[in-house]
Amino acid sequence: MSEHTVEFVGTGEEIAVSEKETILSRCIEEGIAQEYSCRVGMCLACSAEILEGEVTQPAARGLTEEEREGYALTCMARPQSDLTLDRGTYPPSIESGAGEGDTATTADD
């Protein structure tokens, strides 16, 4: 089982994550404060920009096809290489509410 280093820019935090586990699950085990909500790849709360490296995240339904290349949903993403992630940057669809399969809702709904 291969493990990869996941570094979070600006925090000095770094963890080893197996290709068989999600980044979020390891963050929780290590006590790293990673934001999340639904844990099923839809809400985008756990998203992070991929600055370096690759992940696999076939169930990341909240991201558009283009966003899957540059963003990781840590609740779904499993590292395929060492990674550098920026947890302070969110994909454009989080602003527009236009992720794949999403229906935009507002607080008034």
N, C-alpha and C. Protein backbone atom coordinates (compact mmCIF):
# COMPACT_ATOMS: atom_id res chain seq x y z
N MET A 1 0.85 -1.17 0.00
CA MET A 1 0.00 0.00 0.00
C MET A 1 0.90 1.24 0.00
N SER A 2 0.74 2.09 -1.01
CA SER A 2 1.56 3.30 -1.13
C SER A 2 1.00 4.43 -0.29
N GLU A 3 1.89 5.17 0.36
CA GLU A 3 1.51 6.36 1.08
C GLU A 3 2.16 7.56 0.40
N HIS A 4 1.45 8.68 0.45
CA HIS A 4 1.94 9.91 -0.15
C HIS A 4 1.86 11.02 0.87
N THR A 5 2.76 11.98 0.75
CA THR A 5 2.77 13.14 1.62
C THR A 5 1.80 14.17 1.09
N VAL A 6 0.94 14.67 1.98
CA VAL A 6 0.01 15.75 1.64
C VAL A 6 0.40 16.95 2.49
N GLU A 7 0.76 18.03 1.81
CA GLU A 7 1.17 19.26 2.48
C GLU A 7 0.08 20.32 2.26
N PHE A 8 -0.26 21.03 3.31
CA PHE A 8 -1.24 22.11 3.23
C PHE A 8 -0.49 23.43 3.30
N VAL A 9 -0.55 24.22 2.21
CA VAL A 9 0.22 25.47 2.16
C VAL A 9 -0.28 26.46 3.21
N GLY A 10 0.66 27.21 3.72
CA GLY A 10 0.34 28.27 4.67
C GLY A 10 0.08 27.82 6.08
N THR A 11 0.09 26.50 6.34
CA THR A 11 -0.21 26.01 7.68
C THR A 11 0.96 25.26 8.31
N GLY A 12 1.87 24.79 7.48
CA GLY A 12 2.97 23.97 7.98
C GLY A 12 2.54 22.54 8.28
N GLU A 13 1.28 22.20 7.98
CA GLU A 13 0.76 20.85 8.26
C GLU A 13 1.11 19.92 7.11
N GLU A 14 1.49 18.71 7.46
CA GLU A 14 1.85 17.70 6.48
C GLU A 14 1.47 16.34 7.05
N ILE A 15 0.82 15.51 6.24
CA ILE A 15 0.41 14.19 6.68
C ILE A 15 0.75 13.15 5.62
N ALA A 16 0.85 11.91 6.04
CA ALA A 16 1.03 10.78 5.13
C ALA A 16 -0.34 10.15 4.94
N VAL A 17 -0.74 9.99 3.67
CA VAL A 17 -2.06 9.44 3.35
C VAL A 17 -1.90 8.29 2.37
N SER A 18 -2.50 7.17 2.70
CA SER A 18 -2.49 5.99 1.85
C SER A 18 -3.37 6.23 0.61
N GLU A 19 -3.02 5.55 -0.48
CA GLU A 19 -3.85 5.62 -1.69
C GLU A 19 -5.24 5.01 -1.46
N LYS A 20 -5.40 4.29 -0.37
CA LYS A 20 -6.68 3.62 -0.10
C LYS A 20 -7.57 4.40 0.87
N GLU A 21 -7.12 5.56 1.34
CA GLU A 21 -7.94 6.36 2.26
C GLU A 21 -8.10 7.77 1.73
N THR A 22 -9.14 8.44 2.21
CA THR A 22 -9.35 9.81 1.78
C THR A 22 -8.48 10.77 2.59
N ILE A 23 -8.21 11.89 2.00
CA ILE A 23 -7.43 12.92 2.68
C ILE A 23 -8.17 13.38 3.93
N LEU A 24 -9.48 13.57 3.84
CA LEU A 24 -10.26 14.01 5.00
C LEU A 24 -10.19 13.01 6.15
N SER A 25 -10.30 11.73 5.86
CA SER A 25 -10.27 10.74 6.95
C SER A 25 -8.95 10.79 7.70
N ARG A 26 -7.84 10.97 6.95
CA ARG A 26 -6.54 11.07 7.61
C ARG A 26 -6.44 12.38 8.40
N CYS A 27 -6.97 13.48 7.86
CA CYS A 27 -6.97 14.75 8.60
C CYS A 27 -7.68 14.59 9.94
N ILE A 28 -8.82 13.94 9.93
CA ILE A 28 -9.58 13.74 11.16
C ILE A 28 -8.77 12.90 12.14
N GLU A 29 -8.17 11.80 11.65
CA GLU A 29 -7.35 10.95 12.52
C GLU A 29 -6.16 11.69 13.12
N GLU A 30 -5.59 12.62 12.35
CA GLU A 30 -4.40 13.35 12.79
C GLU A 30 -4.74 14.62 13.58
N GLY A 31 -6.03 14.93 13.70
CA GLY A 31 -6.44 16.13 14.44
C GLY A 31 -6.24 17.42 13.69
N ILE A 32 -6.20 17.35 12.36
CA ILE A 32 -6.06 18.54 11.53
C ILE A 32 -7.45 19.10 11.24
N ALA A 33 -7.61 20.37 11.46
CA ALA A 33 -8.92 21.03 11.29
C ALA A 33 -9.21 21.26 9.82
N GLN A 34 -9.77 20.26 9.17
CA GLN A 34 -10.18 20.36 7.77
C GLN A 34 -11.70 20.55 7.74
N GLU A 35 -12.14 21.60 7.11
CA GLU A 35 -13.58 21.87 7.03
C GLU A 35 -14.26 20.78 6.19
N TYR A 36 -15.46 20.38 6.61
CA TYR A 36 -16.27 19.43 5.84
C TYR A 36 -17.71 19.50 6.32
N SER A 37 -18.61 18.91 5.54
CA SER A 37 -20.01 18.89 5.93
C SER A 37 -20.64 17.56 5.53
N CYS A 38 -20.94 17.39 4.25
CA CYS A 38 -21.73 16.23 3.82
C CYS A 38 -20.96 14.91 3.78
N ARG A 39 -19.66 14.95 3.51
CA ARG A 39 -18.78 13.78 3.39
C ARG A 39 -19.14 12.84 2.23
N VAL A 40 -19.94 13.33 1.27
CA VAL A 40 -20.30 12.52 0.11
C VAL A 40 -20.00 13.21 -1.22
N GLY A 41 -19.14 14.23 -1.21
CA GLY A 41 -18.70 14.87 -2.44
C GLY A 41 -19.67 15.83 -3.09
N MET A 42 -20.59 16.38 -2.33
CA MET A 42 -21.59 17.27 -2.92
C MET A 42 -21.51 18.72 -2.45
N CYS A 43 -21.17 18.97 -1.20
CA CYS A 43 -21.33 20.33 -0.64
C CYS A 43 -20.16 21.26 -0.94
N LEU A 44 -19.01 20.74 -1.28
CA LEU A 44 -17.80 21.48 -1.60
C LEU A 44 -17.12 22.14 -0.40
N ALA A 45 -17.62 21.92 0.81
CA ALA A 45 -17.01 22.53 2.00
C ALA A 45 -15.57 22.08 2.20
N CYS A 46 -15.25 20.87 1.81
CA CYS A 46 -13.91 20.31 2.05
C CYS A 46 -12.96 20.52 0.88
N SER A 47 -13.34 21.33 -0.09
CA SER A 47 -12.52 21.48 -1.29
C SER A 47 -11.21 22.19 -1.02
N ALA A 48 -10.21 21.86 -1.83
CA ALA A 48 -8.89 22.48 -1.76
C ALA A 48 -8.32 22.50 -3.17
N GLU A 49 -7.62 23.57 -3.48
CA GLU A 49 -6.97 23.65 -4.78
C GLU A 49 -5.74 22.76 -4.80
N ILE A 50 -5.56 22.00 -5.87
CA ILE A 50 -4.40 21.15 -6.04
C ILE A 50 -3.30 21.98 -6.68
N LEU A 51 -2.26 22.29 -5.91
CA LEU A 51 -1.14 23.06 -6.44
C LEU A 51 -0.10 22.16 -7.08
N GLU A 52 0.08 20.97 -6.51
CA GLU A 52 0.99 19.97 -7.06
C GLU A 52 0.45 18.59 -6.76
N GLY A 53 0.62 17.66 -7.71
CA GLY A 53 0.24 16.28 -7.48
C GLY A 53 -1.07 15.89 -8.13
N GLU A 54 -1.47 14.64 -7.88
CA GLU A 54 -2.67 14.07 -8.49
C GLU A 54 -3.48 13.29 -7.47
N VAL A 55 -4.79 13.32 -7.66
CA VAL A 55 -5.71 12.54 -6.82
C VAL A 55 -6.66 11.77 -7.72
N THR A 56 -7.30 10.78 -7.14
CA THR A 56 -8.42 10.13 -7.79
C THR A 56 -9.63 10.44 -6.92
N GLN A 57 -10.74 10.83 -7.56
CA GLN A 57 -11.94 11.18 -6.83
C GLN A 57 -13.18 10.98 -7.72
N PRO A 58 -13.42 9.73 -8.11
CA PRO A 58 -14.52 9.46 -9.05
C PRO A 58 -15.90 9.84 -8.52
N ALA A 59 -16.09 9.89 -7.22
CA ALA A 59 -17.41 10.21 -6.67
C ALA A 59 -17.56 11.67 -6.28
N ALA A 60 -16.67 12.53 -6.75
CA ALA A 60 -16.73 13.97 -6.42
C ALA A 60 -17.75 14.65 -7.33
N ARG A 61 -19.01 14.39 -7.07
CA ARG A 61 -20.09 14.87 -7.94
C ARG A 61 -20.29 16.38 -7.89
N GLY A 62 -19.84 17.04 -6.83
CA GLY A 62 -20.03 18.48 -6.70
C GLY A 62 -19.13 19.31 -7.59
N LEU A 63 -18.10 18.70 -8.17
CA LEU A 63 -17.17 19.42 -9.04
C LEU A 63 -17.51 19.20 -10.50
N THR A 64 -17.30 20.23 -11.32
CA THR A 64 -17.45 20.07 -12.77
C THR A 64 -16.24 19.29 -13.28
N GLU A 65 -16.31 18.80 -14.50
CA GLU A 65 -15.19 18.05 -15.08
C GLU A 65 -13.91 18.88 -15.08
N GLU A 66 -14.02 20.17 -15.42
CA GLU A 66 -12.85 21.04 -15.45
C GLU A 66 -12.27 21.22 -14.04
N GLU A 67 -13.13 21.35 -13.06
CA GLU A 67 -12.67 21.57 -11.68
C GLU A 67 -11.98 20.34 -11.10
N ARG A 68 -12.32 19.17 -11.55
CA ARG A 68 -11.70 17.94 -11.02
C ARG A 68 -10.20 17.89 -11.30
N GLU A 69 -9.74 18.64 -12.30
CA GLU A 69 -8.32 18.68 -12.61
C GLU A 69 -7.56 19.56 -11.63
N GLY A 70 -8.22 20.59 -11.08
CA GLY A 70 -7.51 21.55 -10.26
C GLY A 70 -7.91 21.62 -8.80
N TYR A 71 -8.96 20.87 -8.43
CA TYR A 71 -9.47 20.92 -7.06
C TYR A 71 -9.71 19.51 -6.53
N ALA A 72 -9.52 19.34 -5.24
CA ALA A 72 -9.79 18.06 -4.58
C ALA A 72 -10.90 18.26 -3.56
N LEU A 73 -11.84 17.35 -3.54
CA LEU A 73 -12.80 17.29 -2.44
C LEU A 73 -12.18 16.29 -1.47
N THR A 74 -11.67 16.79 -0.36
CA THR A 74 -10.88 15.94 0.52
C THR A 74 -11.67 14.78 1.09
N CYS A 75 -13.00 14.88 1.11
CA CYS A 75 -13.81 13.76 1.61
C CYS A 75 -13.84 12.60 0.62
N MET A 76 -13.50 12.86 -0.64
CA MET A 76 -13.53 11.83 -1.69
C MET A 76 -12.14 11.54 -2.24
N ALA A 77 -11.25 12.52 -2.21
CA ALA A 77 -9.95 12.43 -2.88
C ALA A 77 -9.00 11.48 -2.18
N ARG A 78 -8.38 10.64 -2.99
CA ARG A 78 -7.33 9.72 -2.54
C ARG A 78 -6.07 10.07 -3.33
N PRO A 79 -4.96 10.27 -2.64
CA PRO A 79 -3.75 10.72 -3.34
C PRO A 79 -3.19 9.64 -4.27
N GLN A 80 -2.68 10.10 -5.41
CA GLN A 80 -1.99 9.22 -6.35
C GLN A 80 -0.51 9.59 -6.44
N SER A 81 -0.14 10.68 -5.75
CA SER A 81 1.24 11.15 -5.70
C SER A 81 1.34 12.05 -4.47
N ASP A 82 2.54 12.54 -4.18
CA ASP A 82 2.65 13.56 -3.15
C ASP A 82 1.84 14.76 -3.60
N LEU A 83 1.24 15.48 -2.64
CA LEU A 83 0.34 16.58 -2.96
C LEU A 83 0.69 17.84 -2.19
N THR A 84 0.41 18.96 -2.82
CA THR A 84 0.41 20.24 -2.14
C THR A 84 -0.97 20.83 -2.37
N LEU A 85 -1.70 21.10 -1.29
CA LEU A 85 -3.08 21.60 -1.37
C LEU A 85 -3.21 22.95 -0.70
N ASP A 86 -4.09 23.79 -1.26
CA ASP A 86 -4.43 25.08 -0.67
C ASP A 86 -5.88 25.02 -0.23
N ARG A 87 -6.09 24.88 1.09
CA ARG A 87 -7.45 24.78 1.62
C ARG A 87 -8.20 26.09 1.59
N GLY A 88 -7.54 27.20 1.29
CA GLY A 88 -8.21 28.49 1.30
C GLY A 88 -8.78 28.91 -0.04
N THR A 89 -8.68 28.04 -1.05
CA THR A 89 -9.14 28.38 -2.39
C THR A 89 -10.23 27.38 -2.81
N TYR A 90 -11.38 27.91 -3.22
CA TYR A 90 -12.51 27.07 -3.60
C TYR A 90 -12.78 27.14 -5.09
N PRO A 91 -13.38 26.09 -5.66
CA PRO A 91 -13.67 26.07 -7.10
C PRO A 91 -14.73 27.11 -7.47
N PRO A 92 -14.72 27.56 -8.72
CA PRO A 92 -15.70 28.55 -9.16
C PRO A 92 -17.16 28.14 -8.94
N SER A 93 -17.47 26.85 -9.03
CA SER A 93 -18.86 26.41 -8.88
C SER A 93 -19.40 26.62 -7.47
N ILE A 94 -18.53 26.80 -6.49
CA ILE A 94 -19.02 27.05 -5.14
C ILE A 94 -19.67 28.44 -5.08
N GLU A 95 -19.19 29.34 -5.92
CA GLU A 95 -19.77 30.68 -5.99
C GLU A 95 -21.07 30.68 -6.78
N SER A 96 -21.09 29.91 -7.87
CA SER A 96 -22.26 29.93 -8.74
C SER A 96 -23.29 28.88 -8.37
N GLY A 97 -22.90 27.89 -7.57
CA GLY A 97 -23.83 26.80 -7.24
C GLY A 97 -24.10 25.90 -8.43
N ALA A 98 -23.17 25.87 -9.39
CA ALA A 98 -23.41 25.16 -10.64
C ALA A 98 -22.60 23.89 -10.78
N GLY A 99 -22.32 23.18 -9.70
CA GLY A 99 -21.61 21.91 -9.80
C GLY A 99 -22.42 20.89 -10.56
N GLU A 100 -21.76 19.86 -11.09
CA GLU A 100 -22.44 18.82 -11.86
C GLU A 100 -23.55 18.17 -11.04
N GLY A 101 -24.73 18.14 -11.59
CA GLY A 101 -25.83 17.45 -10.93
C GLY A 101 -26.44 18.26 -9.80
N ASP A 102 -25.92 19.43 -9.52
CA ASP A 102 -26.46 20.25 -8.44
C ASP A 102 -27.65 21.05 -8.92
N THR A 103 -28.50 21.37 -8.01
CA THR A 103 -29.54 22.35 -8.27
C THR A 103 -29.29 23.46 -7.29
N ALA A 104 -29.15 24.66 -7.79
CA ALA A 104 -28.82 25.79 -6.94
C ALA A 104 -29.99 26.10 -6.00
N THR A 105 -29.68 26.32 -4.74
CA THR A 105 -30.71 26.70 -3.78
C THR A 105 -30.22 27.91 -3.03
N THR A 106 -31.15 28.63 -2.46
CA THR A 106 -30.79 29.80 -1.67
C THR A 106 -31.34 29.63 -0.27
N ALA A 107 -30.95 30.51 0.61
CA ALA A 107 -31.43 30.44 1.98
C ALA A 107 -32.93 30.67 2.07
N ASP A 108 -33.51 31.30 1.01
CA ASP A 108 -34.94 31.56 1.00
C ASP A 108 -35.79 30.37 0.60
N ASP A 109 -35.13 29.30 0.08
CA ASP A 109 -35.88 28.12 -0.39
C ASP A 109 -36.48 27.35 0.76
